[in-house]
Amino acid sequence: MWKLSLETKASRMQQFCSAYGRELFPDWTMVLDLIEARMRASELTVNARAVAGSPFYEKFRRSGVFALPDLAWLRHNRAALKVLLEEASLA
């Protein structure tokens, strides 16, 4: 799972948004939604390729360490992460 603190994750998300332009990310809910959607898409891709018979993706899926643990972490910590991001934006 994610071994970095919520504060570190929030800081990295802020840096990402700053690098690409804050106007593209009008609020943190959209950013967190985008991250979650990307994680789900990655998980679907791994599963689809595993089902199609790719040995690499079959092994990757069986390991259980791809997006699902990170997605669970994000969902569990989403509210606290959003608070940190919003507080930092006001500073």
N, C-alpha and C. Protein backbone atom coordinates (compact mmCIF):
# COMPACT_ATOMS: atom_id res chain seq x y z
N MET A 1 0.84 -1.19 0.00
CA MET A 1 0.00 0.00 0.00
C MET A 1 0.88 1.25 0.00
N TRP A 2 0.25 2.36 0.08
CA TRP A 2 0.98 3.62 0.05
C TRP A 2 1.65 3.83 1.39
N LYS A 3 2.94 3.94 1.40
CA LYS A 3 3.69 4.09 2.64
C LYS A 3 3.98 5.55 2.96
N LEU A 4 3.62 6.44 2.06
CA LEU A 4 3.84 7.87 2.29
C LEU A 4 2.69 8.44 3.10
N SER A 5 2.97 9.49 3.82
CA SER A 5 1.94 10.12 4.64
C SER A 5 0.92 10.83 3.77
N LEU A 6 -0.23 11.10 4.37
CA LEU A 6 -1.26 11.87 3.67
C LEU A 6 -0.71 13.23 3.25
N GLU A 7 0.08 13.83 4.11
CA GLU A 7 0.65 15.15 3.82
C GLU A 7 1.55 15.10 2.58
N THR A 8 2.36 14.06 2.48
CA THR A 8 3.24 13.91 1.33
C THR A 8 2.43 13.68 0.06
N LYS A 9 1.40 12.84 0.14
CA LYS A 9 0.55 12.61 -1.03
C LYS A 9 -0.14 13.90 -1.45
N ALA A 10 -0.64 14.65 -0.49
CA ALA A 10 -1.31 15.92 -0.81
C ALA A 10 -0.33 16.88 -1.48
N SER A 11 0.88 16.95 -0.97
CA SER A 11 1.91 17.83 -1.56
C SER A 11 2.21 17.43 -3.00
N ARG A 12 2.31 16.14 -3.27
CA ARG A 12 2.59 15.68 -4.63
C ARG A 12 1.42 15.99 -5.57
N MET A 13 0.21 15.85 -5.08
CA MET A 13 -0.96 16.19 -5.90
C MET A 13 -0.99 17.68 -6.21
N GLN A 14 -0.62 18.50 -5.23
CA GLN A 14 -0.57 19.94 -5.46
C GLN A 14 0.49 20.28 -6.50
N GLN A 15 1.64 19.63 -6.43
CA GLN A 15 2.70 19.87 -7.40
C GLN A 15 2.25 19.47 -8.80
N PHE A 16 1.55 18.36 -8.90
CA PHE A 16 1.04 17.91 -10.19
C PHE A 16 0.09 18.95 -10.77
N CYS A 17 -0.84 19.41 -9.96
CA CYS A 17 -1.82 20.39 -10.45
C CYS A 17 -1.14 21.70 -10.82
N SER A 18 -0.16 22.11 -10.06
CA SER A 18 0.56 23.34 -10.37
C SER A 18 1.33 23.21 -11.68
N ALA A 19 1.92 22.05 -11.90
CA ALA A 19 2.72 21.84 -13.11
C ALA A 19 1.86 21.88 -14.37
N TYR A 20 0.65 21.36 -14.28
CA TYR A 20 -0.21 21.30 -15.46
C TYR A 20 -1.18 22.47 -15.56
N GLY A 21 -1.24 23.28 -14.52
CA GLY A 21 -2.12 24.45 -14.55
C GLY A 21 -3.35 24.26 -13.68
N ARG A 22 -3.45 25.07 -12.68
CA ARG A 22 -4.59 24.95 -11.75
C ARG A 22 -5.94 25.14 -12.44
N GLU A 23 -5.97 25.87 -13.54
CA GLU A 23 -7.24 26.09 -14.23
C GLU A 23 -7.83 24.79 -14.77
N LEU A 24 -6.99 23.78 -14.98
CA LEU A 24 -7.48 22.48 -15.43
C LEU A 24 -8.11 21.67 -14.30
N PHE A 25 -7.84 22.08 -13.07
CA PHE A 25 -8.32 21.37 -11.90
C PHE A 25 -9.02 22.35 -10.96
N PRO A 26 -10.26 22.73 -11.26
CA PRO A 26 -10.92 23.78 -10.50
C PRO A 26 -11.20 23.43 -9.03
N ASP A 27 -11.33 22.16 -8.73
CA ASP A 27 -11.48 21.80 -7.31
C ASP A 27 -10.89 20.42 -7.08
N TRP A 28 -10.61 20.14 -5.81
CA TRP A 28 -9.91 18.90 -5.47
C TRP A 28 -10.79 17.67 -5.64
N THR A 29 -12.10 17.84 -5.60
CA THR A 29 -12.98 16.69 -5.82
C THR A 29 -12.74 16.12 -7.21
N MET A 30 -12.59 17.02 -8.19
CA MET A 30 -12.33 16.57 -9.56
C MET A 30 -10.99 15.84 -9.67
N VAL A 31 -9.99 16.34 -8.97
CA VAL A 31 -8.66 15.70 -9.00
C VAL A 31 -8.75 14.29 -8.42
N LEU A 32 -9.39 14.16 -7.27
CA LEU A 32 -9.51 12.85 -6.63
C LEU A 32 -10.37 11.91 -7.48
N ASP A 33 -11.42 12.44 -8.11
CA ASP A 33 -12.24 11.63 -9.02
C ASP A 33 -11.40 11.12 -10.19
N LEU A 34 -10.56 12.00 -10.74
CA LEU A 34 -9.71 11.63 -11.86
C LEU A 34 -8.71 10.54 -11.47
N ILE A 35 -8.11 10.68 -10.31
CA ILE A 35 -7.16 9.67 -9.84
C ILE A 35 -7.86 8.33 -9.66
N GLU A 36 -9.04 8.35 -9.05
CA GLU A 36 -9.79 7.12 -8.83
C GLU A 36 -10.19 6.48 -10.17
N ALA A 37 -10.64 7.28 -11.11
CA ALA A 37 -11.03 6.76 -12.42
C ALA A 37 -9.83 6.14 -13.13
N ARG A 38 -8.68 6.77 -13.02
CA ARG A 38 -7.47 6.24 -13.66
C ARG A 38 -7.05 4.92 -13.03
N MET A 39 -7.17 4.82 -11.72
CA MET A 39 -6.84 3.56 -11.05
C MET A 39 -7.79 2.44 -11.49
N ARG A 40 -9.08 2.76 -11.59
CA ARG A 40 -10.05 1.74 -12.04
C ARG A 40 -9.75 1.31 -13.47
N ALA A 41 -9.42 2.27 -14.33
CA ALA A 41 -9.10 1.93 -15.72
C ALA A 41 -7.86 1.04 -15.80
N SER A 42 -6.88 1.32 -14.99
CA SER A 42 -5.67 0.49 -14.96
C SER A 42 -6.00 -0.92 -14.51
N GLU A 43 -6.82 -1.04 -13.50
CA GLU A 43 -7.22 -2.36 -13.00
C GLU A 43 -7.98 -3.13 -14.07
N LEU A 44 -8.88 -2.47 -14.78
CA LEU A 44 -9.64 -3.11 -15.85
C LEU A 44 -8.72 -3.58 -16.97
N THR A 45 -7.72 -2.78 -17.30
CA THR A 45 -6.77 -3.14 -18.35
C THR A 45 -5.99 -4.39 -17.96
N VAL A 46 -5.50 -4.42 -16.74
CA VAL A 46 -4.75 -5.60 -16.27
C VAL A 46 -5.64 -6.83 -16.32
N ASN A 47 -6.87 -6.71 -15.84
CA ASN A 47 -7.78 -7.86 -15.84
C ASN A 47 -8.11 -8.32 -17.26
N ALA A 48 -8.38 -7.38 -18.15
CA ALA A 48 -8.73 -7.73 -19.52
C ALA A 48 -7.57 -8.45 -20.22
N ARG A 49 -6.38 -7.96 -20.02
CA ARG A 49 -5.22 -8.60 -20.68
C ARG A 49 -4.91 -9.95 -20.06
N ALA A 50 -5.16 -10.09 -18.77
CA ALA A 50 -4.97 -11.39 -18.11
C ALA A 50 -5.97 -12.40 -18.66
N VAL A 51 -7.23 -11.99 -18.78
CA VAL A 51 -8.26 -12.88 -19.31
C VAL A 51 -7.97 -13.24 -20.77
N ALA A 52 -7.36 -12.32 -21.50
CA ALA A 52 -7.00 -12.58 -22.90
C ALA A 52 -5.83 -13.54 -23.03
N GLY A 53 -5.19 -13.87 -21.91
CA GLY A 53 -4.14 -14.88 -21.94
C GLY A 53 -2.72 -14.38 -21.83
N SER A 54 -2.51 -13.12 -21.54
CA SER A 54 -1.15 -12.61 -21.39
C SER A 54 -0.53 -13.15 -20.10
N PRO A 55 0.53 -13.94 -20.20
CA PRO A 55 1.15 -14.48 -18.99
C PRO A 55 1.62 -13.39 -18.03
N PHE A 56 2.16 -12.31 -18.57
CA PHE A 56 2.63 -11.22 -17.72
C PHE A 56 1.48 -10.64 -16.90
N TYR A 57 0.37 -10.35 -17.58
CA TYR A 57 -0.77 -9.75 -16.88
C TYR A 57 -1.48 -10.76 -15.97
N GLU A 58 -1.45 -12.04 -16.35
CA GLU A 58 -2.01 -13.06 -15.47
C GLU A 58 -1.25 -13.09 -14.15
N LYS A 59 0.07 -13.06 -14.25
CA LYS A 59 0.90 -13.06 -13.04
C LYS A 59 0.67 -11.78 -12.24
N PHE A 60 0.61 -10.68 -12.93
CA PHE A 60 0.39 -9.39 -12.28
C PHE A 60 -0.95 -9.38 -11.54
N ARG A 61 -1.97 -9.89 -12.18
CA ARG A 61 -3.30 -9.93 -11.55
C ARG A 61 -3.31 -10.86 -10.35
N ARG A 62 -2.70 -12.01 -10.49
CA ARG A 62 -2.67 -12.96 -9.37
C ARG A 62 -1.93 -12.40 -8.16
N SER A 63 -0.94 -11.55 -8.41
CA SER A 63 -0.17 -11.00 -7.29
C SER A 63 -1.03 -10.13 -6.38
N GLY A 64 -2.09 -9.54 -6.94
CA GLY A 64 -3.00 -8.74 -6.14
C GLY A 64 -2.43 -7.42 -5.66
N VAL A 65 -1.34 -6.99 -6.24
CA VAL A 65 -0.69 -5.77 -5.74
C VAL A 65 -0.81 -4.60 -6.70
N PHE A 66 -1.71 -4.71 -7.64
CA PHE A 66 -1.79 -3.61 -8.60
C PHE A 66 -2.65 -2.48 -8.03
N ALA A 67 -3.66 -2.08 -8.71
CA ALA A 67 -4.41 -0.87 -8.35
C ALA A 67 -5.40 -1.07 -7.20
N LEU A 68 -5.87 -2.28 -6.97
CA LEU A 68 -6.91 -2.44 -5.96
C LEU A 68 -6.50 -1.98 -4.56
N PRO A 69 -5.31 -2.34 -4.07
CA PRO A 69 -4.93 -1.82 -2.74
C PRO A 69 -4.83 -0.30 -2.72
N ASP A 70 -4.30 0.29 -3.78
CA ASP A 70 -4.19 1.75 -3.84
C ASP A 70 -5.56 2.40 -3.93
N LEU A 71 -6.45 1.78 -4.67
CA LEU A 71 -7.81 2.30 -4.80
C LEU A 71 -8.53 2.23 -3.45
N ALA A 72 -8.36 1.15 -2.74
CA ALA A 72 -8.95 1.03 -1.40
C ALA A 72 -8.38 2.09 -0.47
N TRP A 73 -7.07 2.31 -0.56
CA TRP A 73 -6.44 3.34 0.28
C TRP A 73 -7.01 4.71 -0.04
N LEU A 74 -7.14 5.02 -1.32
CA LEU A 74 -7.67 6.32 -1.72
C LEU A 74 -9.09 6.51 -1.21
N ARG A 75 -9.91 5.51 -1.37
CA ARG A 75 -11.30 5.61 -0.91
C ARG A 75 -11.37 5.78 0.61
N HIS A 76 -10.52 5.06 1.32
CA HIS A 76 -10.51 5.14 2.78
C HIS A 76 -10.04 6.52 3.27
N ASN A 77 -9.06 7.10 2.59
CA ASN A 77 -8.45 8.35 3.03
C ASN A 77 -8.90 9.59 2.26
N ARG A 78 -9.86 9.42 1.39
CA ARG A 78 -10.27 10.50 0.49
C ARG A 78 -10.69 11.78 1.24
N ALA A 79 -11.53 11.66 2.24
CA ALA A 79 -12.02 12.85 2.94
C ALA A 79 -10.88 13.60 3.62
N ALA A 80 -10.00 12.88 4.29
CA ALA A 80 -8.87 13.52 4.97
C ALA A 80 -7.91 14.15 3.96
N LEU A 81 -7.70 13.48 2.86
CA LEU A 81 -6.82 13.99 1.81
C LEU A 81 -7.40 15.27 1.21
N LYS A 82 -8.69 15.28 0.98
CA LYS A 82 -9.34 16.47 0.42
C LYS A 82 -9.20 17.66 1.36
N VAL A 83 -9.36 17.43 2.65
CA VAL A 83 -9.19 18.52 3.64
C VAL A 83 -7.78 19.08 3.56
N LEU A 84 -6.78 18.21 3.53
CA LEU A 84 -5.39 18.68 3.44
C LEU A 84 -5.16 19.48 2.17
N LEU A 85 -5.69 19.01 1.05
CA LEU A 85 -5.50 19.70 -0.21
C LEU A 85 -6.17 21.08 -0.20
N GLU A 86 -7.36 21.13 0.35
CA GLU A 86 -8.08 22.41 0.39
C GLU A 86 -7.41 23.39 1.34
N GLU A 87 -6.93 22.90 2.48
CA GLU A 87 -6.23 23.79 3.44
C GLU A 87 -4.96 24.36 2.81
N ALA A 88 -4.23 23.54 2.12
CA ALA A 88 -2.99 23.99 1.50
C ALA A 88 -3.28 24.98 0.38
N SER A 89 -4.39 24.82 -0.31
CA SER A 89 -4.75 25.73 -1.39
C SER A 89 -5.06 27.12 -0.86
N LEU A 90 -5.54 27.20 0.35
CA LEU A 90 -5.91 28.48 0.95
C LEU A 90 -4.69 29.21 1.51
N ALA A 91 -3.62 28.46 1.75
CA ALA A 91 -2.42 29.05 2.35
C ALA A 91 -1.65 29.88 1.36
